[in-house]
Structures are given as C-alpha cells and as structure tokens.
Amino acid sequence: MPEIKTEHYNGSDCTGSTGGSNRVLTISNTTKTENDGFLVHASGLVLALTSEYTVDHNSSGTQITFLNPLWDDQTIAIQYAQQLTSAGAQADADDFSRGPLSDFGVEVVRTPVTVTTSNMGGQKTYSDGTNETIDVVFQNPNKKFTLDKGGLTEIYDALMFTKPNQTINKYDKITYDARVYRVDTVSVRNFNGTTMFKTVTLFYIQDE
C-alpha cells in the first residue's frame, strides 16, 4: 500500500550552480516512488512533467532533474507516493490539504455553470450561478499539446488541483490572476482506494 510524503528543499540542495538548468535533486524515499500523485513545486508553482522536469523513480534516492534555470534560494516541495514493504502509514484523504494545499494553495473564484441544449439545432446555452471562493493548487499556465492524425491538438491551458470533496464540474468557470478559464475535465486521483485530490484541466477564455 502507498505512503504519501511531502518533502521540502531549496535550490541549493540540487547539483550544479545557481541559475543553471538540468540541476538534479535527490529525495529521501526508502522504497520505490510512483508516477501517480508525484507532484513537484518550485517557488509555489506546480511543475509539468517532461517539459519542466523529469524524474527517475528509484528504490531509494529518486532523482528529479529541473530542466529550466533554478536558483539556490528557490523553495522546492515534493509530494510523492512510495510503496511500503510492511504495515505502515496509509493514504489519508487529508494529506493533500495538509501538504500541497497548505503550502502552495491559492484562492480562485469558481462560477458554477449550467448548460442547456436547445431541442432545435442543439445550440448550447451557458448560465452562470453564484460565485464561490475556493482553495486550490494552480499550475503555472503553460499550454500542452498532443500529436494526433490531424496535427497538434491542445490539451489544456492550465492545470488545477483541488480537495477531493470540492464540487467542480465541466464548463464551470475559474477566475485566477484576472484571467478566466473554463473547466474541461475533472479526474479523481486515488491511492489504495482513498480519494486524495482532483486534477482539473482548464482552457483560457478571457481576461476578467
């Protein structure tokens, strides 16, 4: 069963010189880490796997390579799951709130949206509900694309992570840093049968 851990570092804990790229951080896991639930934060932002960092999952001393310039005074937090070889700490639904959300959470405004489809022509109408302020971890908004037969297809403009019990639905609007996004997909991340957090993909639609 997986154990969820959060570790805190500075850029000075990495190899290389301040401001350099491809600096490597070795974390203190004692059994092999897993891709599921592996989150890397630098200066409060969640980094994107492959484009901003790579990871070598090892049975001890998993290594993270930061692909972009990293300075010694930058704060780093790593959340990861590792397999326990015997009875030990189990996944707790509050781990996300106590770890990344507590350390790097920001407030965004969620506007629930109701979608109705016309019986004639199938035209969709979007109706905004009452705004609410929610706490999330918001990833640095970098566009991500995938290659399909028709060429490059945009997957999302930004990523957001919420508590497992946070109500959020497709088409809801999210306002953060004077930019408005629309929710595209909401997926639940589970560990050993426990829901840990939700991953939300967002598309930018307008400035506030």
C-alpha atoms as a PDB file:
ATOM      1  CA  MET A   1       0.000   0.000   0.000  1.00  0.00           C
ATOM      2  CA  PRO A   2       1.339   3.502  -0.745  1.00  0.00           C
ATOM      3  CA  GLU A   3       2.634   6.005   1.773  1.00  0.00           C
ATOM      4  CA  ILE A   4       2.151   9.695   0.879  1.00  0.00           C
ATOM      5  CA  LYS A   5       5.004  12.012   1.832  1.00  0.00           C
ATOM      6  CA  THR A   6       5.871  15.693   1.329  1.00  0.00           C
ATOM      7  CA  GLU A   7       9.487  16.884   1.490  1.00  0.00           C
ATOM      8  CA  HIS A   8      10.820  20.459   1.429  1.00  0.00           C
ATOM      9  CA  TYR A   9      14.084  21.620  -0.135  1.00  0.00           C
ATOM     10  CA  ASN A  10      15.819  24.684  -1.551  1.00  0.00           C
ATOM     11  CA  GLY A  11      17.532  25.089  -4.889  1.00  0.00           C
ATOM     12  CA  SER A  12      20.846  24.929  -3.040  1.00  0.00           C
ATOM     13  CA  ASP A  13      20.120  21.230  -2.318  1.00  0.00           C
ATOM     14  CA  CYS A  14      20.419  20.469  -6.050  1.00  0.00           C
ATOM     15  CA  THR A  15      23.522  19.751  -8.060  1.00  0.00           C
ATOM     16  CA  GLY A  16      25.013  22.460 -10.247  1.00  0.00           C
ATOM     17  CA  SER A  17      25.223  26.217  -9.816  1.00  0.00           C
ATOM     18  CA  THR A  18      22.514  28.749  -9.034  1.00  0.00           C
ATOM     19  CA  GLY A  19      20.623  29.840 -12.148  1.00  0.00           C
ATOM     20  CA  GLY A  20      21.657  26.737 -14.052  1.00  0.00           C
ATOM     21  CA  SER A  21      19.489  24.252 -15.948  1.00  0.00           C
ATOM     22  CA  ASN A  22      19.354  20.463 -15.566  1.00  0.00           C
ATOM     23  CA  ARG A  23      20.081  20.619 -11.842  1.00  0.00           C
ATOM     24  CA  VAL A  24      19.342  17.354 -10.036  1.00  0.00           C
ATOM     25  CA  LEU A  25      17.631  16.890  -6.671  1.00  0.00           C
ATOM     26  CA  THR A  26      17.786  13.559  -4.822  1.00  0.00           C
ATOM     27  CA  ILE A  27      14.941  12.956  -2.380  1.00  0.00           C
ATOM     28  CA  SER A  28      14.936  10.687   0.674  1.00  0.00           C
ATOM     29  CA  ASN A  29      12.491   7.940  -0.306  1.00  0.00           C
ATOM     30  CA  THR A  30      13.335   4.499   1.065  1.00  0.00           C
ATOM     31  CA  THR A  31      11.236   2.388  -1.312  1.00  0.00           C
ATOM     32  CA  LYS A  32      10.399   2.942  -4.962  1.00  0.00           C
ATOM     33  CA  THR A  33       8.311   6.026  -5.756  1.00  0.00           C
ATOM     34  CA  GLU A  34       5.399   6.034  -8.214  1.00  0.00           C
ATOM     35  CA  ASN A  35       4.178   8.280 -11.015  1.00  0.00           C
ATOM     36  CA  ASP A  36       0.695   8.536  -9.512  1.00  0.00           C
ATOM     37  CA  GLY A  37       0.491  11.503  -7.187  1.00  0.00           C
ATOM     38  CA  PHE A  38       4.060  12.676  -7.846  1.00  0.00           C
ATOM     39  CA  LEU A  39       3.995  16.499  -7.677  1.00  0.00           C
ATOM     40  CA  VAL A  40       6.947  18.891  -7.929  1.00  0.00           C
ATOM     41  CA  HIS A  41       6.593  22.514  -6.743  1.00  0.00           C
ATOM     42  CA  ALA A  42       9.153  25.272  -7.293  1.00  0.00           C
ATOM     43  CA  SER A  43       8.524  28.702  -5.768  1.00  0.00           C
ATOM     44  CA  GLY A  44       4.900  27.718  -5.164  1.00  0.00           C
ATOM     45  CA  LEU A  45       4.143  26.570  -8.719  1.00  0.00           C
ATOM     46  CA  VAL A  46       3.407  23.001  -9.762  1.00  0.00           C
ATOM     47  CA  LEU A  47       5.831  21.994 -12.497  1.00  0.00           C
ATOM     48  CA  ALA A  48       4.883  19.994 -15.571  1.00  0.00           C
ATOM     49  CA  LEU A  49       6.436  16.575 -16.101  1.00  0.00           C
ATOM     50  CA  THR A  50       8.604  16.283 -19.237  1.00  0.00           C
ATOM     51  CA  SER A  51       8.549  19.982 -20.173  1.00  0.00           C
ATOM     52  CA  GLU A  52       9.787  21.363 -16.832  1.00  0.00           C
ATOM     53  CA  TYR A  53      11.234  18.354 -15.023  1.00  0.00           C
ATOM     54  CA  THR A  54      11.981  14.659 -15.428  1.00  0.00           C
ATOM     55  CA  VAL A  55      12.111  12.011 -12.722  1.00  0.00           C
ATOM     56  CA  ASP A  56      13.953   8.725 -12.236  1.00  0.00           C
ATOM     57  CA  HIS A  57      11.921   6.589  -9.814  1.00  0.00           C
ATOM     58  CA  ASN A  58      14.382   4.589  -7.733  1.00  0.00           C
ATOM     59  CA  SER A  59      14.001   2.188  -4.815  1.00  0.00           C
ATOM     60  CA  SER A  60      15.862   4.842  -2.794  1.00  0.00           C
ATOM     61  CA  GLY A  61      17.036   8.322  -3.663  1.00  0.00           C
ATOM     62  CA  THR A  62      14.635   9.120  -6.512  1.00  0.00           C
ATOM     63  CA  GLN A  63      16.176  11.867  -8.660  1.00  0.00           C
ATOM     64  CA  ILE A  64      14.412  14.891 -10.151  1.00  0.00           C
ATOM     65  CA  THR A  65      16.038  16.914 -12.937  1.00  0.00           C
ATOM     66  CA  PHE A  66      14.878  20.540 -13.292  1.00  0.00           C
ATOM     67  CA  LEU A  67      15.066  21.348 -16.991  1.00  0.00           C
ATOM     68  CA  ASN A  68      14.833  25.143 -16.637  1.00  0.00           C
ATOM     69  CA  PRO A  69      17.053  27.575 -14.703  1.00  0.00           C
ATOM     70  CA  LEU A  70      16.826  27.041 -10.935  1.00  0.00           C
ATOM     71  CA  TRP A  71      18.213  29.393  -8.303  1.00  0.00           C
ATOM     72  CA  ASP A  72      19.603  28.399  -4.907  1.00  0.00           C
ATOM     73  CA  ASP A  73      17.062  30.492  -2.978  1.00  0.00           C
ATOM     74  CA  GLN A  74      14.021  28.948  -4.672  1.00  0.00           C
ATOM     75  CA  THR A  75      11.816  26.781  -2.459  1.00  0.00           C
ATOM     76  CA  ILE A  76      11.033  23.249  -3.608  1.00  0.00           C
ATOM     77  CA  ALA A  77       8.382  20.841  -2.327  1.00  0.00           C
ATOM     78  CA  ILE A  78       7.951  17.267  -3.486  1.00  0.00           C
ATOM     79  CA  GLN A  79       4.836  15.173  -2.851  1.00  0.00           C
ATOM     80  CA  TYR A  80       5.145  11.511  -3.715  1.00  0.00           C
ATOM     81  CA  ALA A  81       3.829   8.040  -3.013  1.00  0.00           C
ATOM     82  CA  GLN A  82       6.122   5.141  -2.198  1.00  0.00           C
ATOM     83  CA  GLN A  83       5.243   1.500  -1.710  1.00  0.00           C
ATOM     84  CA  LEU A  84       5.505   0.196   1.833  1.00  0.00           C
ATOM     85  CA  THR A  85       7.009  -3.237   2.303  1.00  0.00           C
ATOM     86  CA  SER A  86       5.086  -3.809   5.528  1.00  0.00           C
ATOM     87  CA  ALA A  87       2.229  -2.310   7.508  1.00  0.00           C
ATOM     88  CA  GLY A  88       2.763   1.433   7.879  1.00  0.00           C
ATOM     89  CA  ALA A  89       1.347   4.806   7.059  1.00  0.00           C
ATOM     90  CA  GLN A  90      -1.675   4.622   4.793  1.00  0.00           C
ATOM     91  CA  ALA A  91      -3.056   7.182   2.381  1.00  0.00           C
ATOM     92  CA  ASP A  92      -5.142   9.760   4.199  1.00  0.00           C
ATOM     93  CA  ALA A  93      -7.764  11.874   2.444  1.00  0.00           C
ATOM     94  CA  ASP A  94      -6.405  14.956   4.271  1.00  0.00           C
ATOM     95  CA  ASP A  95      -2.818  14.537   3.018  1.00  0.00           C
ATOM     96  CA  PHE A  96      -3.393  16.890   0.084  1.00  0.00           C
ATOM     97  CA  SER A  97      -4.867  19.579   2.356  1.00  0.00           C
ATOM     98  CA  ARG A  98      -2.059  19.246   4.914  1.00  0.00           C
ATOM     99  CA  GLY A  99       0.670  19.194   2.258  1.00  0.00           C
ATOM    100  CA  PRO A 100       0.477  20.983  -1.130  1.00  0.00           C
ATOM    101  CA  LEU A 101      -2.747  22.891  -0.423  1.00  0.00           C
ATOM    102  CA  SER A 102      -1.425  24.186   2.898  1.00  0.00           C
ATOM    103  CA  ASP A 103       1.982  25.108   1.461  1.00  0.00           C
ATOM    104  CA  PHE A 104       1.074  26.375  -2.012  1.00  0.00           C
ATOM    105  CA  GLY A 105      -2.681  26.899  -2.046  1.00  0.00           C
ATOM    106  CA  VAL A 106      -4.186  29.983  -3.684  1.00  0.00           C
ATOM    107  CA  GLU A 107      -7.716  31.339  -3.812  1.00  0.00           C
ATOM    108  CA  VAL A 108      -9.659  31.245  -7.067  1.00  0.00           C
ATOM    109  CA  VAL A 109     -13.256  32.084  -7.864  1.00  0.00           C
ATOM    110  CA  ARG A 110     -15.430  29.225  -9.097  1.00  0.00           C
ATOM    111  CA  THR A 111     -18.558  30.115 -11.062  1.00  0.00           C
ATOM    112  CA  PRO A 112     -20.857  27.077 -11.438  1.00  0.00           C
ATOM    113  CA  VAL A 113     -22.257  26.854 -14.944  1.00  0.00           C
ATOM    114  CA  THR A 114     -25.461  25.153 -16.064  1.00  0.00           C
ATOM    115  CA  VAL A 115     -25.571  24.054 -19.687  1.00  0.00           C
ATOM    116  CA  THR A 116     -28.845  23.609 -21.550  1.00  0.00           C
ATOM    117  CA  THR A 117     -29.119  22.293 -25.095  1.00  0.00           C
ATOM    118  CA  SER A 118     -31.792  23.518 -27.477  1.00  0.00           C
ATOM    119  CA  ASN A 119     -34.108  20.855 -28.882  1.00  0.00           C
ATOM    120  CA  MET A 120     -33.844  22.568 -32.229  1.00  0.00           C
ATOM    121  CA  GLY A 121     -30.345  22.730 -33.638  1.00  0.00           C
ATOM    122  CA  GLY A 122     -28.631  21.529 -30.473  1.00  0.00           C
ATOM    123  CA  GLN A 123     -27.359  25.003 -29.558  1.00  0.00           C
ATOM    124  CA  LYS A 124     -25.890  25.181 -26.037  1.00  0.00           C
ATOM    125  CA  THR A 125     -26.729  27.941 -23.576  1.00  0.00           C
ATOM    126  CA  TYR A 126     -24.443  28.596 -20.602  1.00  0.00           C
ATOM    127  CA  SER A 127     -25.967  30.063 -17.416  1.00  0.00           C
ATOM    128  CA  ASP A 128     -23.716  31.289 -14.597  1.00  0.00           C
ATOM    129  CA  GLY A 129     -24.562  30.509 -10.981  1.00  0.00           C
ATOM    130  CA  THR A 130     -23.362  32.137  -7.758  1.00  0.00           C
ATOM    131  CA  ASN A 131     -19.620  32.676  -7.358  1.00  0.00           C
ATOM    132  CA  GLU A 132     -17.694  30.993  -4.567  1.00  0.00           C
ATOM    133  CA  THR A 133     -14.073  31.326  -3.472  1.00  0.00           C
ATOM    134  CA  ILE A 134     -12.183  28.034  -3.218  1.00  0.00           C
ATOM    135  CA  ASP A 135      -8.640  26.995  -2.286  1.00  0.00           C
ATOM    136  CA  VAL A 136      -6.645  25.154  -4.954  1.00  0.00           C
ATOM    137  CA  VAL A 137      -3.120  24.479  -6.170  1.00  0.00           C
ATOM    138  CA  PHE A 138      -2.801  26.208  -9.530  1.00  0.00           C
ATOM    139  CA  GLN A 139      -0.166  25.097 -12.015  1.00  0.00           C
ATOM    140  CA  ASN A 140       1.828  27.641 -13.974  1.00  0.00           C
ATOM    141  CA  PRO A 141      -0.382  28.015 -17.070  1.00  0.00           C
ATOM    142  CA  ASN A 142       1.620  26.553 -19.936  1.00  0.00           C
ATOM    143  CA  LYS A 143      -0.174  25.226 -22.999  1.00  0.00           C
ATOM    144  CA  LYS A 144       0.186  21.496 -23.583  1.00  0.00           C
ATOM    145  CA  PHE A 145      -0.394  19.732 -26.885  1.00  0.00           C
ATOM    146  CA  THR A 146      -0.628  16.161 -28.099  1.00  0.00           C
ATOM    147  CA  LEU A 147       0.024  14.873 -31.593  1.00  0.00           C
ATOM    148  CA  ASP A 148      -2.854  13.174 -33.388  1.00  0.00           C
ATOM    149  CA  LYS A 149      -3.670  12.384 -37.004  1.00  0.00           C
ATOM    150  CA  GLY A 150      -4.939  15.896 -37.624  1.00  0.00           C
ATOM    151  CA  GLY A 151      -1.805  17.525 -36.202  1.00  0.00           C
ATOM    152  CA  LEU A 152      -1.287  19.218 -32.856  1.00  0.00           C
ATOM    153  CA  THR A 153      -4.283  19.164 -30.537  1.00  0.00           C
ATOM    154  CA  GLU A 154      -4.335  21.442 -27.499  1.00  0.00           C
ATOM    155  CA  ILE A 155      -4.975  19.521 -24.259  1.00  0.00           C
ATOM    156  CA  TYR A 156      -5.164  22.396 -21.761  1.00  0.00           C
ATOM    157  CA  ASP A 157      -4.011  25.937 -20.935  1.00  0.00           C
ATOM    158  CA  ALA A 158      -3.636  25.353 -17.190  1.00  0.00           C
ATOM    159  CA  LEU A 159      -3.948  22.669 -14.522  1.00  0.00           C
ATOM    160  CA  MET A 160      -5.586  22.923 -11.113  1.00  0.00           C
ATOM    161  CA  PHE A 161      -5.665  20.563  -8.133  1.00  0.00           C
ATOM    162  CA  THR A 162      -8.488  20.597  -5.569  1.00  0.00           C
ATOM    163  CA  LYS A 163      -9.537  18.807  -2.407  1.00  0.00           C
ATOM    164  CA  PRO A 164     -11.329  15.500  -3.067  1.00  0.00           C
ATOM    165  CA  ASN A 165     -14.656  16.818  -1.752  1.00  0.00           C
ATOM    166  CA  GLN A 166     -14.574  20.062  -3.750  1.00  0.00           C
ATOM    167  CA  THR A 167     -17.558  20.410  -6.087  1.00  0.00           C
ATOM    168  CA  ILE A 168     -16.345  21.225  -9.585  1.00  0.00           C
ATOM    169  CA  ASN A 169     -17.844  20.308 -12.950  1.00  0.00           C
ATOM    170  CA  LYS A 170     -17.147  20.533 -16.650  1.00  0.00           C
ATOM    171  CA  TYR A 171     -17.960  24.010 -18.058  1.00  0.00           C
ATOM    172  CA  ASP A 172     -17.570  25.750 -14.661  1.00  0.00           C
ATOM    173  CA  LYS A 173     -15.602  28.993 -14.876  1.00  0.00           C
ATOM    174  CA  ILE A 174     -12.448  29.599 -12.818  1.00  0.00           C
ATOM    175  CA  THR A 175     -11.076  33.114 -12.308  1.00  0.00           C
ATOM    176  CA  TYR A 176      -7.455  33.429 -11.198  1.00  0.00           C
ATOM    177  CA  ASP A 177      -4.989  36.292 -11.521  1.00  0.00           C
ATOM    178  CA  ALA A 178      -7.507  38.331 -13.582  1.00  0.00           C
ATOM    179  CA  ARG A 179      -7.876  35.555 -16.167  1.00  0.00           C
ATOM    180  CA  VAL A 180     -10.987  33.452 -16.708  1.00  0.00           C
ATOM    181  CA  TYR A 181     -10.766  29.744 -17.579  1.00  0.00           C
ATOM    182  CA  ARG A 182     -13.390  27.115 -18.343  1.00  0.00           C
ATOM    183  CA  VAL A 183     -13.198  23.637 -16.821  1.00  0.00           C
ATOM    184  CA  ASP A 184     -12.715  20.895 -19.388  1.00  0.00           C
ATOM    185  CA  THR A 185     -12.009  17.671 -17.486  1.00  0.00           C
ATOM    186  CA  VAL A 186     -12.120  16.641 -13.819  1.00  0.00           C
ATOM    187  CA  SER A 187     -10.356  13.443 -12.767  1.00  0.00           C
ATOM    188  CA  VAL A 188     -10.034  11.845  -9.341  1.00  0.00           C
ATOM    189  CA  ARG A 189      -6.678  10.580  -8.086  1.00  0.00           C
ATOM    190  CA  ASN A 190      -6.921   7.557  -5.773  1.00  0.00           C
ATOM    191  CA  PHE A 191      -4.351   5.768  -3.627  1.00  0.00           C
ATOM    192  CA  ASN A 192      -5.183   2.381  -2.153  1.00  0.00           C
ATOM    193  CA  GLY A 193      -8.883   3.094  -2.540  1.00  0.00           C
ATOM    194  CA  THR A 194      -8.717   6.555  -0.923  1.00  0.00           C
ATOM    195  CA  THR A 195      -9.545   9.650  -2.972  1.00  0.00           C
ATOM    196  CA  MET A 196      -6.639  12.087  -2.460  1.00  0.00           C
ATOM    197  CA  PHE A 197      -7.351  15.049  -4.756  1.00  0.00           C
ATOM    198  CA  LYS A 198      -8.927  16.072  -8.055  1.00  0.00           C
ATOM    199  CA  THR A 199      -6.999  17.120 -11.169  1.00  0.00           C
ATOM    200  CA  VAL A 200      -8.755  19.757 -13.285  1.00  0.00           C
ATOM    201  CA  THR A 201      -7.767  20.822 -16.814  1.00  0.00           C
ATOM    202  CA  LEU A 202      -8.624  24.367 -17.860  1.00  0.00           C
ATOM    203  CA  PHE A 203      -8.943  26.354 -21.079  1.00  0.00           C
ATOM    204  CA  TYR A 204      -8.420  30.122 -21.062  1.00  0.00           C
ATOM    205  CA  ILE A 205     -11.452  32.032 -22.359  1.00  0.00           C
ATOM    206  CA  GLN A 206     -10.953  35.731 -21.472  1.00  0.00           C
ATOM    207  CA  ASP A 207      -9.386  38.341 -19.205  1.00  0.00           C
ATOM    208  CA  GLU A 208     -11.506  39.372 -16.254  1.00  0.00           C
END
